[in-house]
Amino acid sequence: MPWIFYSGMTDEDLKAIYAYLKSIPPIQNKVKKFEIQTASTSEKK
């Protein structure tokens, strides 16, 4: 992730990005639940 790029942004830049993201409609996309496989859960299969 480009964290270094975001760290150089001004408060005005961040407010503009926030305002833009709030202005666009959400999408309908169900994300499957992600489960991390551990040794105990992988042995059950």
Protein backbone atom coordinates (compact mmCIF):
# COMPACT_ATOMS: atom_id res chain seq x y z
CA MET A 1 0.00 0.00 0.00
CA PRO A 2 1.28 3.49 -0.77
CA TRP A 3 1.36 4.72 2.82
CA ILE A 4 4.33 7.00 2.17
CA PHE A 5 2.33 8.83 -0.53
CA TYR A 6 -0.59 9.39 1.83
CA SER A 7 1.64 10.66 4.62
CA GLY A 8 2.62 13.66 2.50
CA MET A 9 -0.96 14.75 1.82
CA THR A 10 -2.37 17.88 3.35
CA ASP A 11 -5.51 17.91 5.45
CA GLU A 12 -7.29 19.54 2.50
CA ASP A 13 -6.23 16.68 0.19
CA LEU A 14 -7.53 14.10 2.64
CA LYS A 15 -10.80 15.98 3.12
CA ALA A 16 -11.26 16.11 -0.66
CA ILE A 17 -10.70 12.36 -0.98
CA TYR A 18 -13.10 11.70 1.89
CA ALA A 19 -15.75 13.96 0.33
CA TYR A 20 -15.38 12.21 -3.02
CA LEU A 21 -15.70 8.74 -1.51
CA LYS A 22 -18.79 9.81 0.43
CA SER A 23 -20.34 11.24 -2.76
CA ILE A 24 -20.28 8.04 -4.83
CA PRO A 25 -22.93 5.38 -4.25
CA PRO A 26 -21.92 2.12 -2.57
CA ILE A 27 -21.80 -1.04 -4.63
CA GLN A 28 -23.65 -4.22 -3.81
CA ASN A 29 -20.86 -6.75 -3.41
CA LYS A 30 -20.95 -9.51 -0.85
CA VAL A 31 -17.48 -10.54 0.21
CA LYS A 32 -16.99 -14.12 1.29
CA LYS A 33 -15.89 -14.56 4.87
CA PHE A 34 -12.15 -15.16 5.00
CA GLU A 35 -10.95 -17.72 7.48
CA ILE A 36 -7.29 -18.24 8.20
CA GLN A 37 -6.28 -21.87 8.10
CA THR A 38 -4.45 -22.92 11.23
CA ALA A 39 -2.97 -26.29 12.04
CA SER A 40 -6.02 -27.20 14.12
CA THR A 41 -8.58 -26.24 11.43
CA SER A 42 -6.67 -27.80 8.55
CA GLU A 43 -6.47 -31.16 10.36
CA LYS A 44 -10.28 -31.31 10.64
CA LYS A 45 -10.71 -31.61 6.87
